[in-house]
Amino acid sequence: MLQKLFFIVQKRAKSLTFLWTLLVFYLCLMPQRKIAHIPIFGIDKLVHVLFFGIFMFLLLFIMKLKKWMVSFLIATLFGCLIEGLQYYFTSLGRSGDWKDIIADALGAIIFGYLHYILSNKYKN
C-alpha cells in the first residue's frame, strides 16, 4: 500500500507540490486570531517540521535526488520567506521566529532522508 501511495504521489508531484505550497503559504500567513490554540508544548515546531518536510518530499520528486541540496535550499528559503512576511506584516498577529526556520530546515532534512529511503526501496 505504501508503495502504491508513493507512486501516486510521484505521478502527481507537480500539482501536489503547487497545491501544498499554496496551502502552507495560506496557513502560515492567516491571522493569528483564526488559528486554534493547542496547549501542547512544541506543537508549533512540529507543524513547521511537517509543513516543510512534506514540501521537501514533494520537491524531490520534481527535482530528482541529484538535486537534493537545491530542494533543501528551496524548502528552507521558503520557510525564511514565510517567517520574514510574518515578521514584517505584524497586522496578522504573527511574528517571525528563527527557531521556526530551524524547524523548517530540520523537517526538510528528515523528509528528504525519508524520500531517499523510499525511492531506493521502490526503484522502478
PDB file of N, CA and C in Angstrom:
ATOM      1  N   MET A   1       0.824  -1.200   0.000  1.00  0.00           N
ATOM      2  CA  MET A   1       0.000   0.000   0.000  1.00  0.00           C
ATOM      3  C   MET A   1       0.862   1.255   0.000  1.00  0.00           C
ATOM      4  N   LEU A   2       1.932   1.260   0.793  1.00  0.00           N
ATOM      5  CA  LEU A   2       2.829   2.408   0.843  1.00  0.00           C
ATOM      6  C   LEU A   2       3.490   2.616  -0.513  1.00  0.00           C
ATOM      7  N   GLN A   3       3.829   1.520  -1.175  1.00  0.00           N
ATOM      8  CA  GLN A   3       4.451   1.615  -2.489  1.00  0.00           C
ATOM      9  C   GLN A   3       3.483   2.244  -3.494  1.00  0.00           C
ATOM     10  N   LYS A   4       2.234   1.836  -3.440  1.00  0.00           N
ATOM     11  CA  LYS A   4       1.227   2.385  -4.350  1.00  0.00           C
ATOM     12  C   LYS A   4       1.043   3.882  -4.105  1.00  0.00           C
ATOM     13  N   LEU A   5       0.975   4.283  -2.841  1.00  0.00           N
ATOM     14  CA  LEU A   5       0.850   5.700  -2.488  1.00  0.00           C
ATOM     15  C   LEU A   5       2.066   6.485  -2.973  1.00  0.00           C
ATOM     16  N   PHE A   6       3.252   5.916  -2.797  1.00  0.00           N
ATOM     17  CA  PHE A   6       4.491   6.552  -3.249  1.00  0.00           C
ATOM     18  C   PHE A   6       4.436   6.826  -4.752  1.00  0.00           C
ATOM     19  N   PHE A   7       3.989   5.852  -5.534  1.00  0.00           N
ATOM     20  CA  PHE A   7       3.929   6.029  -6.979  1.00  0.00           C
ATOM     21  C   PHE A   7       2.832   7.005  -7.402  1.00  0.00           C
ATOM     22  N   ILE A   8       1.734   7.046  -6.671  1.00  0.00           N
ATOM     23  CA  ILE A   8       0.670   8.014  -6.964  1.00  0.00           C
ATOM     24  C   ILE A   8       1.187   9.432  -6.733  1.00  0.00           C
ATOM     25  N   VAL A   9       1.862   9.635  -5.612  1.00  0.00           N
ATOM     26  CA  VAL A   9       2.428  10.953  -5.310  1.00  0.00           C
ATOM     27  C   VAL A   9       3.473  11.316  -6.361  1.00  0.00           C
ATOM     28  N   GLN A  10       4.301  10.348  -6.735  1.00  0.00           N
ATOM     29  CA  GLN A  10       5.330  10.595  -7.741  1.00  0.00           C
ATOM     30  C   GLN A  10       4.709  11.033  -9.072  1.00  0.00           C
ATOM     31  N   LYS A  11       3.628  10.396  -9.443  1.00  0.00           N
ATOM     32  CA  LYS A  11       2.964  10.688 -10.716  1.00  0.00           C
ATOM     33  C   LYS A  11       2.341  12.089 -10.730  1.00  0.00           C
ATOM     34  N   ARG A  12       1.864  12.531  -9.588  1.00  0.00           N
ATOM     35  CA  ARG A  12       1.170  13.819  -9.495  1.00  0.00           C
ATOM     36  C   ARG A  12       1.987  14.870  -8.725  1.00  0.00           C
ATOM     37  N   ALA A  13       3.282  14.721  -8.701  1.00  0.00           N
ATOM     38  CA  ALA A  13       4.153  15.551  -7.857  1.00  0.00           C
ATOM     39  C   ALA A  13       4.053  17.042  -8.160  1.00  0.00           C
ATOM     40  N   LYS A  14       3.999  17.411  -9.412  1.00  0.00           N
ATOM     41  CA  LYS A  14       3.965  18.844  -9.750  1.00  0.00           C
ATOM     42  C   LYS A  14       2.713  19.527  -9.207  1.00  0.00           C
ATOM     43  N   SER A  15       1.564  18.929  -9.457  1.00  0.00           N
ATOM     44  CA  SER A  15       0.324  19.550  -8.981  1.00  0.00           C
ATOM     45  C   SER A  15       0.222  19.492  -7.462  1.00  0.00           C
ATOM     46  N   LEU A  16       0.667  18.399  -6.855  1.00  0.00           N
ATOM     47  CA  LEU A  16       0.644  18.300  -5.391  1.00  0.00           C
ATOM     48  C   LEU A  16       1.580  19.316  -4.741  1.00  0.00           C
ATOM     49  N   THR A  17       2.752  19.517  -5.340  1.00  0.00           N
ATOM     50  CA  THR A  17       3.695  20.496  -4.805  1.00  0.00           C
ATOM     51  C   THR A  17       3.114  21.897  -4.893  1.00  0.00           C
ATOM     52  N   PHE A  18       2.503  22.214  -6.013  1.00  0.00           N
ATOM     53  CA  PHE A  18       1.878  23.530  -6.180  1.00  0.00           C
ATOM     54  C   PHE A  18       0.768  23.742  -5.147  1.00  0.00           C
ATOM     55  N   LEU A  19      -0.108  22.760  -4.999  1.00  0.00           N
ATOM     56  CA  LEU A  19      -1.211  22.877  -4.038  1.00  0.00           C
ATOM     57  C   LEU A  19      -0.695  22.943  -2.597  1.00  0.00           C
ATOM     58  N   TRP A  20       0.321  22.137  -2.285  1.00  0.00           N
ATOM     59  CA  TRP A  20       0.885  22.141  -0.930  1.00  0.00           C
ATOM     60  C   TRP A  20       1.520  23.502  -0.627  1.00  0.00           C
ATOM     61  N   THR A  21       2.202  24.086  -1.614  1.00  0.00           N
ATOM     62  CA  THR A  21       2.814  25.399  -1.437  1.00  0.00           C
ATOM     63  C   THR A  21       1.757  26.444  -1.112  1.00  0.00           C
ATOM     64  N   LEU A  22       0.670  26.432  -1.854  1.00  0.00           N
ATOM     65  CA  LEU A  22      -0.419  27.380  -1.593  1.00  0.00           C
ATOM     66  C   LEU A  22      -1.016  27.173  -0.206  1.00  0.00           C
ATOM     67  N   LEU A  23      -1.227  25.918   0.173  1.00  0.00           N
ATOM     68  CA  LEU A  23      -1.800  25.619   1.484  1.00  0.00           C
ATOM     69  C   LEU A  23      -0.883  26.093   2.610  1.00  0.00           C
ATOM     70  N   VAL A  24       0.400  25.794   2.522  1.00  0.00           N
ATOM     71  CA  VAL A  24       1.353  26.217   3.558  1.00  0.00           C
ATOM     72  C   VAL A  24       1.402  27.741   3.624  1.00  0.00           C
ATOM     73  N   PHE A  25       1.468  28.377   2.472  1.00  0.00           N
ATOM     74  CA  PHE A  25       1.514  29.836   2.418  1.00  0.00           C
ATOM     75  C   PHE A  25       0.278  30.425   3.109  1.00  0.00           C
ATOM     76  N   TYR A  26      -0.882  29.892   2.779  1.00  0.00           N
ATOM     77  CA  TYR A  26      -2.129  30.386   3.371  1.00  0.00           C
ATOM     78  C   TYR A  26      -2.162  30.162   4.885  1.00  0.00           C
ATOM     79  N   LEU A  27      -1.867  28.945   5.314  1.00  0.00           N
ATOM     80  CA  LEU A  27      -1.942  28.622   6.742  1.00  0.00           C
ATOM     81  C   LEU A  27      -0.922  29.384   7.569  1.00  0.00           C
ATOM     82  N   CYS A  28       0.257  29.603   7.013  1.00  0.00           N
ATOM     83  CA  CYS A  28       1.295  30.311   7.758  1.00  0.00           C
ATOM     84  C   CYS A  28       1.075  31.815   7.800  1.00  0.00           C
ATOM     85  N   LEU A  29       0.265  32.335   6.889  1.00  0.00           N
ATOM     86  CA  LEU A  29       0.040  33.779   6.865  1.00  0.00           C
ATOM     87  C   LEU A  29      -1.374  34.191   7.252  1.00  0.00           C
ATOM     88  N   MET A  30      -2.200  33.226   7.642  1.00  0.00           N
ATOM     89  CA  MET A  30      -3.532  33.612   8.087  1.00  0.00           C
ATOM     90  C   MET A  30      -3.420  34.288   9.454  1.00  0.00           C
ATOM     91  N   PRO A  31      -4.324  35.215   9.746  1.00  0.00           N
ATOM     92  CA  PRO A  31      -4.255  35.941  11.019  1.00  0.00           C
ATOM     93  C   PRO A  31      -4.275  35.006  12.230  1.00  0.00           C
ATOM     94  N   GLN A  32      -3.503  35.357  13.224  1.00  0.00           N
ATOM     95  CA  GLN A  32      -3.350  34.555  14.437  1.00  0.00           C
ATOM     96  C   GLN A  32      -4.692  34.269  15.115  1.00  0.00           C
ATOM     97  N   ARG A  33      -5.577  35.244  15.078  1.00  0.00           N
ATOM     98  CA  ARG A  33      -6.860  35.075  15.781  1.00  0.00           C
ATOM     99  C   ARG A  33      -7.725  33.971  15.175  1.00  0.00           C
ATOM    100  N   LYS A  34      -7.422  33.556  13.944  1.00  0.00           N
ATOM    101  CA  LYS A  34      -8.197  32.497  13.288  1.00  0.00           C
ATOM    102  C   LYS A  34      -7.617  31.105  13.532  1.00  0.00           C
ATOM    103  N   ILE A  35      -6.513  31.041  14.263  1.00  0.00           N
ATOM    104  CA  ILE A  35      -5.852  29.761  14.499  1.00  0.00           C
ATOM    105  C   ILE A  35      -6.212  29.255  15.891  1.00  0.00           C
ATOM    106  N   ALA A  36      -6.647  28.015  15.955  1.00  0.00           N
ATOM    107  CA  ALA A  36      -6.985  27.416  17.244  1.00  0.00           C
ATOM    108  C   ALA A  36      -5.715  27.236  18.076  1.00  0.00           C
ATOM    109  N   HIS A  37      -5.782  27.578  19.326  1.00  0.00           N
ATOM    110  CA  HIS A  37      -4.641  27.409  20.213  1.00  0.00           C
ATOM    111  C   HIS A  37      -4.674  25.993  20.794  1.00  0.00           C
ATOM    112  N   ILE A  38      -3.591  25.259  20.554  1.00  0.00           N
ATOM    113  CA  ILE A  38      -3.484  23.895  21.069  1.00  0.00           C
ATOM    114  C   ILE A  38      -2.418  23.913  22.157  1.00  0.00           C
ATOM    115  N   PRO A  39      -2.803  23.670  23.399  1.00  0.00           N
ATOM    116  CA  PRO A  39      -1.844  23.796  24.507  1.00  0.00           C
ATOM    117  C   PRO A  39      -0.912  22.583  24.662  1.00  0.00           C
ATOM    118  N   ILE A  40      -0.189  22.277  23.598  1.00  0.00           N
ATOM    119  CA  ILE A  40       0.781  21.180  23.631  1.00  0.00           C
ATOM    120  C   ILE A  40       2.156  21.793  23.388  1.00  0.00           C
ATOM    121  N   PHE A  41       3.080  21.520  24.281  1.00  0.00           N
ATOM    122  CA  PHE A  41       4.423  22.078  24.168  1.00  0.00           C
ATOM    123  C   PHE A  41       5.085  21.649  22.859  1.00  0.00           C
ATOM    124  N   GLY A  42       5.570  22.607  22.106  1.00  0.00           N
ATOM    125  CA  GLY A  42       6.303  22.324  20.876  1.00  0.00           C
ATOM    126  C   GLY A  42       5.454  22.025  19.656  1.00  0.00           C
ATOM    127  N   ILE A  43       4.142  22.162  19.751  1.00  0.00           N
ATOM    128  CA  ILE A  43       3.272  21.825  18.617  1.00  0.00           C
ATOM    129  C   ILE A  43       3.568  22.718  17.416  1.00  0.00           C
ATOM    130  N   ASP A  44       3.906  23.984  17.677  1.00  0.00           N
ATOM    131  CA  ASP A  44       4.224  24.915  16.591  1.00  0.00           C
ATOM    132  C   ASP A  44       5.431  24.413  15.791  1.00  0.00           C
ATOM    133  N   LYS A  45       6.456  23.957  16.487  1.00  0.00           N
ATOM    134  CA  LYS A  45       7.665  23.477  15.802  1.00  0.00           C
ATOM    135  C   LYS A  45       7.374  22.176  15.054  1.00  0.00           C
ATOM    136  N   LEU A  46       6.561  21.315  15.624  1.00  0.00           N
ATOM    137  CA  LEU A  46       6.175  20.076  14.953  1.00  0.00           C
ATOM    138  C   LEU A  46       5.423  20.375  13.657  1.00  0.00           C
ATOM    139  N   VAL A  47       4.545  21.357  13.687  1.00  0.00           N
ATOM    140  CA  VAL A  47       3.805  21.750  12.491  1.00  0.00           C
ATOM    141  C   VAL A  47       4.777  22.240  11.414  1.00  0.00           C
ATOM    142  N   HIS A  48       5.775  23.029  11.821  1.00  0.00           N
ATOM    143  CA  HIS A  48       6.776  23.506  10.854  1.00  0.00           C
ATOM    144  C   HIS A  48       7.570  22.344  10.266  1.00  0.00           C
ATOM    145  N   VAL A  49       7.957  21.398  11.090  1.00  0.00           N
ATOM    146  CA  VAL A  49       8.682  20.223  10.595  1.00  0.00           C
ATOM    147  C   VAL A  49       7.830  19.494   9.559  1.00  0.00           C
ATOM    148  N   LEU A  50       6.556  19.305   9.843  1.00  0.00           N
ATOM    149  CA  LEU A  50       5.661  18.595   8.912  1.00  0.00           C
ATOM    150  C   LEU A  50       5.409  19.394   7.635  1.00  0.00           C
ATOM    151  N   PHE A  51       5.082  20.681   7.783  1.00  0.00           N
ATOM    152  CA  PHE A  51       4.789  21.508   6.601  1.00  0.00           C
ATOM    153  C   PHE A  51       5.959  21.513   5.621  1.00  0.00           C
ATOM    154  N   PHE A  52       7.143  21.815   6.128  1.00  0.00           N
ATOM    155  CA  PHE A  52       8.283  21.980   5.235  1.00  0.00           C
ATOM    156  C   PHE A  52       8.960  20.654   4.908  1.00  0.00           C
ATOM    157  N   GLY A  53       8.736  19.647   5.730  1.00  0.00           N
ATOM    158  CA  GLY A  53       9.200  18.312   5.400  1.00  0.00           C
ATOM    159  C   GLY A  53       8.423  17.745   4.228  1.00  0.00           C
ATOM    160  N   ILE A  54       7.116  17.881   4.271  1.00  0.00           N
ATOM    161  CA  ILE A  54       6.279  17.405   3.163  1.00  0.00           C
ATOM    162  C   ILE A  54       6.600  18.201   1.899  1.00  0.00           C
ATOM    163  N   PHE A  55       6.842  19.497   2.045  1.00  0.00           N
ATOM    164  CA  PHE A  55       7.230  20.332   0.912  1.00  0.00           C
ATOM    165  C   PHE A  55       8.518  19.785   0.280  1.00  0.00           C
ATOM    166  N   MET A  56       9.502  19.468   1.100  1.00  0.00           N
ATOM    167  CA  MET A  56      10.771  18.908   0.611  1.00  0.00           C
ATOM    168  C   MET A  56      10.538  17.566  -0.075  1.00  0.00           C
ATOM    169  N   PHE A  57       9.737  16.717   0.546  1.00  0.00           N
ATOM    170  CA  PHE A  57       9.432  15.389  -0.004  1.00  0.00           C
ATOM    171  C   PHE A  57       8.861  15.522  -1.415  1.00  0.00           C
ATOM    172  N   LEU A  58       7.921  16.437  -1.582  1.00  0.00           N
ATOM    173  CA  LEU A  58       7.304  16.644  -2.894  1.00  0.00           C
ATOM    174  C   LEU A  58       8.288  17.259  -3.884  1.00  0.00           C
ATOM    175  N   LEU A  59       9.079  18.211  -3.428  1.00  0.00           N
ATOM    176  CA  LEU A  59      10.075  18.835  -4.306  1.00  0.00           C
ATOM    177  C   LEU A  59      11.041  17.815  -4.891  1.00  0.00           C
ATOM    178  N   LEU A  60      11.411  16.835  -4.089  1.00  0.00           N
ATOM    179  CA  LEU A  60      12.383  15.851  -4.552  1.00  0.00           C
ATOM    180  C   LEU A  60      11.859  15.004  -5.715  1.00  0.00           C
ATOM    181  N   PHE A  61      10.560  14.854  -5.824  1.00  0.00           N
ATOM    182  CA  PHE A  61      10.009  14.151  -6.989  1.00  0.00           C
ATOM    183  C   PHE A  61      10.221  14.977  -8.249  1.00  0.00           C
ATOM    184  N   ILE A  62      10.124  16.284  -8.105  1.00  0.00           N
ATOM    185  CA  ILE A  62      10.271  17.172  -9.255  1.00  0.00           C
ATOM    186  C   ILE A  62      11.746  17.390  -9.590  1.00  0.00           C
ATOM    187  N   MET A  63      12.560  17.616  -8.559  1.00  0.00           N
ATOM    188  CA  MET A  63      13.962  17.981  -8.754  1.00  0.00           C
ATOM    189  C   MET A  63      14.864  16.758  -8.947  1.00  0.00           C
ATOM    190  N   LYS A  64      14.409  15.595  -8.561  1.00  0.00           N
ATOM    191  CA  LYS A  64      15.175  14.344  -8.590  1.00  0.00           C
ATOM    192  C   LYS A  64      16.223  14.350  -7.484  1.00  0.00           C
ATOM    193  N   LEU A  65      16.682  13.188  -7.111  1.00  0.00           N
ATOM    194  CA  LEU A  65      17.608  13.050  -5.982  1.00  0.00           C
ATOM    195  C   LEU A  65      18.930  13.768  -6.204  1.00  0.00           C
ATOM    196  N   LYS A  66      19.354  13.913  -7.437  1.00  0.00           N
ATOM    197  CA  LYS A  66      20.618  14.589  -7.708  1.00  0.00           C
ATOM    198  C   LYS A  66      20.559  16.062  -7.295  1.00  0.00           C
ATOM    199  N   LYS A  67      19.384  16.576  -7.133  1.00  0.00           N
ATOM    200  CA  LYS A  67      19.191  17.985  -6.778  1.00  0.00           C
ATOM    201  C   LYS A  67      18.774  18.135  -5.318  1.00  0.00           C
ATOM    202  N   TRP A  68      19.239  17.250  -4.467  1.00  0.00           N
ATOM    203  CA  TRP A  68      18.843  17.263  -3.063  1.00  0.00           C
ATOM    204  C   TRP A  68      19.142  18.601  -2.410  1.00  0.00           C
ATOM    205  N   MET A  69      20.334  19.117  -2.619  1.00  0.00           N
ATOM    206  CA  MET A  69      20.725  20.373  -1.978  1.00  0.00           C
ATOM    207  C   MET A  69      19.890  21.537  -2.494  1.00  0.00           C
ATOM    208  N   VAL A  70      19.579  21.539  -3.776  1.00  0.00           N
ATOM    209  CA  VAL A  70      18.735  22.600  -4.335  1.00  0.00           C
ATOM    210  C   VAL A  70      17.347  22.534  -3.708  1.00  0.00           C
ATOM    211  N   SER A  71      16.796  21.347  -3.590  1.00  0.00           N
ATOM    212  CA  SER A  71      15.481  21.183  -2.964  1.00  0.00           C
ATOM    213  C   SER A  71      15.512  21.637  -1.509  1.00  0.00           C
ATOM    214  N   PHE A  72      16.578  21.275  -0.801  1.00  0.00           N
ATOM    215  CA  PHE A  72      16.730  21.687   0.593  1.00  0.00           C
ATOM    216  C   PHE A  72      16.791  23.212   0.704  1.00  0.00           C
ATOM    217  N   LEU A  73      17.545  23.850  -0.168  1.00  0.00           N
ATOM    218  CA  LEU A  73      17.637  25.317  -0.138  1.00  0.00           C
ATOM    219  C   LEU A  73      16.301  25.971  -0.468  1.00  0.00           C
ATOM    220  N   ILE A  74      15.585  25.423  -1.433  1.00  0.00           N
ATOM    221  CA  ILE A  74      14.265  25.970  -1.784  1.00  0.00           C
ATOM    222  C   ILE A  74      13.319  25.857  -0.590  1.00  0.00           C
ATOM    223  N   ALA A  75      13.275  24.691   0.037  1.00  0.00           N
ATOM    224  CA  ALA A  75      12.384  24.486   1.188  1.00  0.00           C
ATOM    225  C   ALA A  75      12.754  25.421   2.336  1.00  0.00           C
ATOM    226  N   THR A  76      14.045  25.551   2.613  1.00  0.00           N
ATOM    227  CA  THR A  76      14.482  26.404   3.722  1.00  0.00           C
ATOM    228  C   THR A  76      14.254  27.879   3.403  1.00  0.00           C
ATOM    229  N   LEU A  77      14.535  28.282   2.170  1.00  0.00           N
ATOM    230  CA  LEU A  77      14.296  29.680   1.790  1.00  0.00           C
ATOM    231  C   LEU A  77      12.801  30.015   1.787  1.00  0.00           C
ATOM    232  N   PHE A  78      11.978  29.047   1.437  1.00  0.00           N
ATOM    233  CA  PHE A  78      10.524  29.252   1.517  1.00  0.00           C
ATOM    234  C   PHE A  78      10.125  29.497   2.971  1.00  0.00           C
ATOM    235  N   GLY A  79      10.712  28.732   3.889  1.00  0.00           N
ATOM    236  CA  GLY A  79      10.476  28.951   5.318  1.00  0.00           C
ATOM    237  C   GLY A  79      10.950  30.326   5.763  1.00  0.00           C
ATOM    238  N   CYS A  80      12.113  30.756   5.257  1.00  0.00           N
ATOM    239  CA  CYS A  80      12.627  32.100   5.582  1.00  0.00           C
ATOM    240  C   CYS A  80      11.682  33.183   5.061  1.00  0.00           C
ATOM    241  N   LEU A  81      11.173  32.993   3.855  1.00  0.00           N
ATOM    242  CA  LEU A  81      10.218  33.951   3.280  1.00  0.00           C
ATOM    243  C   LEU A  81       8.978  34.067   4.158  1.00  0.00           C
ATOM    244  N   ILE A  82       8.429  32.940   4.557  1.00  0.00           N
ATOM    245  CA  ILE A  82       7.238  32.932   5.414  1.00  0.00           C
ATOM    246  C   ILE A  82       7.524  33.675   6.724  1.00  0.00           C
ATOM    247  N   GLU A  83       8.644  33.359   7.353  1.00  0.00           N
ATOM    248  CA  GLU A  83       8.989  33.994   8.631  1.00  0.00           C
ATOM    249  C   GLU A  83       9.229  35.492   8.449  1.00  0.00           C
ATOM    250  N   GLY A  84       9.842  35.858   7.341  1.00  0.00           N
ATOM    251  CA  GLY A  84      10.046  37.280   7.046  1.00  0.00           C
ATOM    252  C   GLY A  84       8.731  38.013   6.874  1.00  0.00           C
ATOM    253  N   LEU A  85       7.806  37.408   6.153  1.00  0.00           N
ATOM    254  CA  LEU A  85       6.488  38.020   5.976  1.00  0.00           C
ATOM    255  C   LEU A  85       5.750  38.127   7.308  1.00  0.00           C
ATOM    256  N   GLN A  86       5.862  37.101   8.142  1.00  0.00           N
ATOM    257  CA  GLN A  86       5.232  37.151   9.462  1.00  0.00           C
ATOM    258  C   GLN A  86       5.854  38.260  10.319  1.00  0.00           C
ATOM    259  N   TYR A  87       7.146  38.437  10.193  1.00  0.00           N
ATOM    260  CA  TYR A  87       7.859  39.442  10.982  1.00  0.00           C
ATOM    261  C   TYR A  87       7.471  40.863  10.560  1.00  0.00           C
ATOM    262  N   TYR A  88       7.398  41.101   9.244  1.00  0.00           N
ATOM    263  CA  TYR A  88       7.147  42.456   8.745  1.00  0.00           C
ATOM    264  C   TYR A  88       5.671  42.828   8.677  1.00  0.00           C
ATOM    265  N   PHE A  89       4.798  41.858   8.518  1.00  0.00           N
ATOM    266  CA  PHE A  89       3.375  42.146   8.470  1.00  0.00           C
ATOM    267  C   PHE A  89       2.756  41.810   9.824  1.00  0.00           C
ATOM    268  N   THR A  90       3.023  42.651  10.783  1.00  0.00           N
ATOM    269  CA  THR A  90       2.584  42.412  12.158  1.00  0.00           C
ATOM    270  C   THR A  90       1.071  42.507  12.308  1.00  0.00           C
ATOM    271  N   SER A  91       0.390  43.062  11.329  1.00  0.00           N
ATOM    272  CA  SER A  91      -1.074  43.161  11.416  1.00  0.00           C
ATOM    273  C   SER A  91      -1.726  41.778  11.418  1.00  0.00           C
ATOM    274  N   LEU A  92      -0.989  40.762  11.018  1.00  0.00           N
ATOM    275  CA  LEU A  92      -1.518  39.397  11.029  1.00  0.00           C
ATOM    276  C   LEU A  92      -1.582  38.820  12.439  1.00  0.00           C
ATOM    277  N   GLY A  93      -0.891  39.487  13.367  1.00  0.00           N
ATOM    278  CA  GLY A  93      -0.824  38.954  14.720  1.00  0.00           C
ATOM    279  C   GLY A  93       0.177  37.814  14.828  1.00  0.00           C
ATOM    280  N   ARG A  94       1.018  37.674  13.821  1.00  0.00           N
ATOM    281  CA  ARG A  94       2.038  36.627  13.792  1.00  0.00           C
ATOM    282  C   ARG A  94       3.392  37.285  14.005  1.00  0.00           C
ATOM    283  N   SER A  95       4.381  36.489  14.316  1.00  0.00           N
ATOM    284  CA  SER A  95       5.728  37.038  14.457  1.00  0.00           C
ATOM    285  C   SER A  95       6.721  36.044  13.873  1.00  0.00           C
ATOM    286  N   GLY A  96       7.714  36.584  13.182  1.00  0.00           N
ATOM    287  CA  GLY A  96       8.753  35.737  12.619  1.00  0.00           C
ATOM    288  C   GLY A  96       9.636  35.194  13.731  1.00  0.00           C
ATOM    289  N   ASP A  97      10.095  33.966  13.575  1.00  0.00           N
ATOM    290  CA  ASP A  97      10.886  33.322  14.619  1.00  0.00           C
ATOM    291  C   ASP A  97      11.975  32.481  13.958  1.00  0.00           C
ATOM    292  N   TRP A  98      13.228  32.746  14.301  1.00  0.00           N
ATOM    293  CA  TRP A  98      14.334  31.993  13.701  1.00  0.00           C
ATOM    294  C   TRP A  98      14.279  30.518  14.084  1.00  0.00           C
ATOM    295  N   LYS A  99      13.661  30.204  15.231  1.00  0.00           N
ATOM    296  CA  LYS A  99      13.533  28.793  15.619  1.00  0.00           C
ATOM    297  C   LYS A  99      12.589  28.048  14.668  1.00  0.00           C
ATOM    298  N   ASP A 100      11.637  28.760  14.095  1.00  0.00           N
ATOM    299  CA  ASP A 100      10.765  28.145  13.096  1.00  0.00           C
ATOM    300  C   ASP A 100      11.548  27.797  11.832  1.00  0.00           C
ATOM    301  N   ILE A 101      12.506  28.644  11.469  1.00  0.00           N
ATOM    302  CA  ILE A 101      13.343  28.371  10.291  1.00  0.00           C
ATOM    303  C   ILE A 101      14.176  27.110  10.534  1.00  0.00           C
ATOM    304  N   ILE A 102      14.669  26.956  11.747  1.00  0.00           N
ATOM    305  CA  ILE A 102      15.427  25.746  12.091  1.00  0.00           C
ATOM    306  C   ILE A 102      14.522  24.517  11.996  1.00  0.00           C
ATOM    307  N   ALA A 103      13.279  24.647  12.481  1.00  0.00           N
ATOM    308  CA  ALA A 103      12.317  23.536  12.389  1.00  0.00           C
ATOM    309  C   ALA A 103      11.997  23.229  10.929  1.00  0.00           C
ATOM    310  N   ASP A 104      11.891  24.272  10.092  1.00  0.00           N
ATOM    311  CA  ASP A 104      11.641  24.071   8.661  1.00  0.00           C
ATOM    312  C   ASP A 104      12.783  23.269   8.031  1.00  0.00           C
ATOM    313  N   ALA A 105      14.020  23.676   8.325  1.00  0.00           N
ATOM    314  CA  ALA A 105      15.190  23.002   7.771  1.00  0.00           C
ATOM    315  C   ALA A 105      15.280  21.560   8.283  1.00  0.00           C
ATOM    316  N   LEU A 106      14.982  21.370   9.556  1.00  0.00           N
ATOM    317  CA  LEU A 106      15.007  20.023  10.136  1.00  0.00           C
ATOM    318  C   LEU A 106      13.969  19.128   9.459  1.00  0.00           C
ATOM    319  N   GLY A 107      12.782  19.657   9.236  1.00  0.00           N
ATOM    320  CA  GLY A 107      11.745  18.901   8.532  1.00  0.00           C
ATOM    321  C   GLY A 107      12.188  18.535   7.128  1.00  0.00           C
ATOM    322  N   ALA A 108      12.846  19.470   6.442  1.00  0.00           N
ATOM    323  CA  ALA A 108      13.342  19.197   5.089  1.00  0.00           C
ATOM    324  C   ALA A 108      14.377  18.072   5.113  1.00  0.00           C
ATOM    325  N   ILE A 109      15.249  18.079   6.105  1.00  0.00           N
ATOM    326  CA  ILE A 109      16.268  17.030   6.205  1.00  0.00           C
ATOM    327  C   ILE A 109      15.627  15.672   6.492  1.00  0.00           C
ATOM    328  N   ILE A 110      14.722  15.636   7.452  1.00  0.00           N
ATOM    329  CA  ILE A 110      14.081  14.372   7.840  1.00  0.00           C
ATOM    330  C   ILE A 110      13.291  13.779   6.672  1.00  0.00           C
ATOM    331  N   PHE A 111      12.461  14.602   6.044  1.00  0.00           N
ATOM    332  CA  PHE A 111      11.630  14.096   4.950  1.00  0.00           C
ATOM    333  C   PHE A 111      12.448  13.861   3.686  1.00  0.00           C
ATOM    334  N   GLY A 112      13.544  14.612   3.520  1.00  0.00           N
ATOM    335  CA  GLY A 112      14.449  14.344   2.412  1.00  0.00           C
ATOM    336  C   GLY A 112      15.076  12.970   2.547  1.00  0.00           C
ATOM    337  N   TYR A 113      15.463  12.632   3.765  1.00  0.00           N
ATOM    338  CA  TYR A 113      16.030  11.303   4.022  1.00  0.00           C
ATOM    339  C   TYR A 113      14.972  10.215   3.833  1.00  0.00           C
ATOM    340  N   LEU A 114      13.745  10.487   4.280  1.00  0.00           N
ATOM    341  CA  LEU A 114      12.646   9.534   4.080  1.00  0.00           C
ATOM    342  C   LEU A 114      12.416   9.299   2.591  1.00  0.00           C
ATOM    343  N   HIS A 115      12.437  10.359   1.806  1.00  0.00           N
ATOM    344  CA  HIS A 115      12.268  10.237   0.358  1.00  0.00           C
ATOM    345  C   HIS A 115      13.393   9.390  -0.233  1.00  0.00           C
ATOM    346  N   TYR A 116      14.607   9.620   0.219  1.00  0.00           N
ATOM    347  CA  TYR A 116      15.763   8.863  -0.251  1.00  0.00           C
ATOM    348  C   TYR A 116      15.576   7.367   0.033  1.00  0.00           C
ATOM    349  N   ILE A 117      15.163   7.046   1.249  1.00  0.00           N
ATOM    350  CA  ILE A 117      14.946   5.644   1.634  1.00  0.00           C
ATOM    351  C   ILE A 117      13.847   5.008   0.774  1.00  0.00           C
ATOM    352  N   LEU A 118      12.721   5.692   0.652  1.00  0.00           N
ATOM    353  CA  LEU A 118      11.595   5.123  -0.102  1.00  0.00           C
ATOM    354  C   LEU A 118      11.898   5.008  -1.592  1.00  0.00           C
ATOM    355  N   SER A 119      12.588   6.006  -2.141  1.00  0.00           N
ATOM    356  CA  SER A 119      12.882   5.936  -3.574  1.00  0.00           C
ATOM    357  C   SER A 119      13.869   4.815  -3.883  1.00  0.00           C
ATOM    358  N   ASN A 120      14.771   4.530  -2.966  1.00  0.00           N
ATOM    359  CA  ASN A 120      15.678   3.394  -3.160  1.00  0.00           C
ATOM    360  C   ASN A 120      14.950   2.065  -2.985  1.00  0.00           C
ATOM    361  N   LYS A 121      13.989   2.041  -2.086  1.00  0.00           N
ATOM    362  CA  LYS A 121      13.226   0.816  -1.844  1.00  0.00           C
ATOM    363  C   LYS A 121      12.305   0.501  -3.011  1.00  0.00           C
ATOM    364  N   TYR A 122      11.717   1.544  -3.611  1.00  0.00           N
ATOM    365  CA  TYR A 122      10.725   1.343  -4.674  1.00  0.00           C
ATOM    366  C   TYR A 122      11.248   1.751  -6.045  1.00  0.00           C
ATOM    367  N   LYS A 123      12.507   1.495  -6.327  1.00  0.00           N
ATOM    368  CA  LYS A 123      13.063   1.824  -7.646  1.00  0.00           C
ATOM    369  C   LYS A 123      12.291   1.093  -8.729  1.00  0.00           C
ATOM    370  N   ASN A 124      12.081   1.800  -9.828  1.00  0.00           N
ATOM    371  CA  ASN A 124      11.361   1.195 -10.969  1.00  0.00           C
ATOM    372  C   ASN A 124      12.246   0.195 -11.664  1.00  0.00           C
TER     373      ASN A 124
END
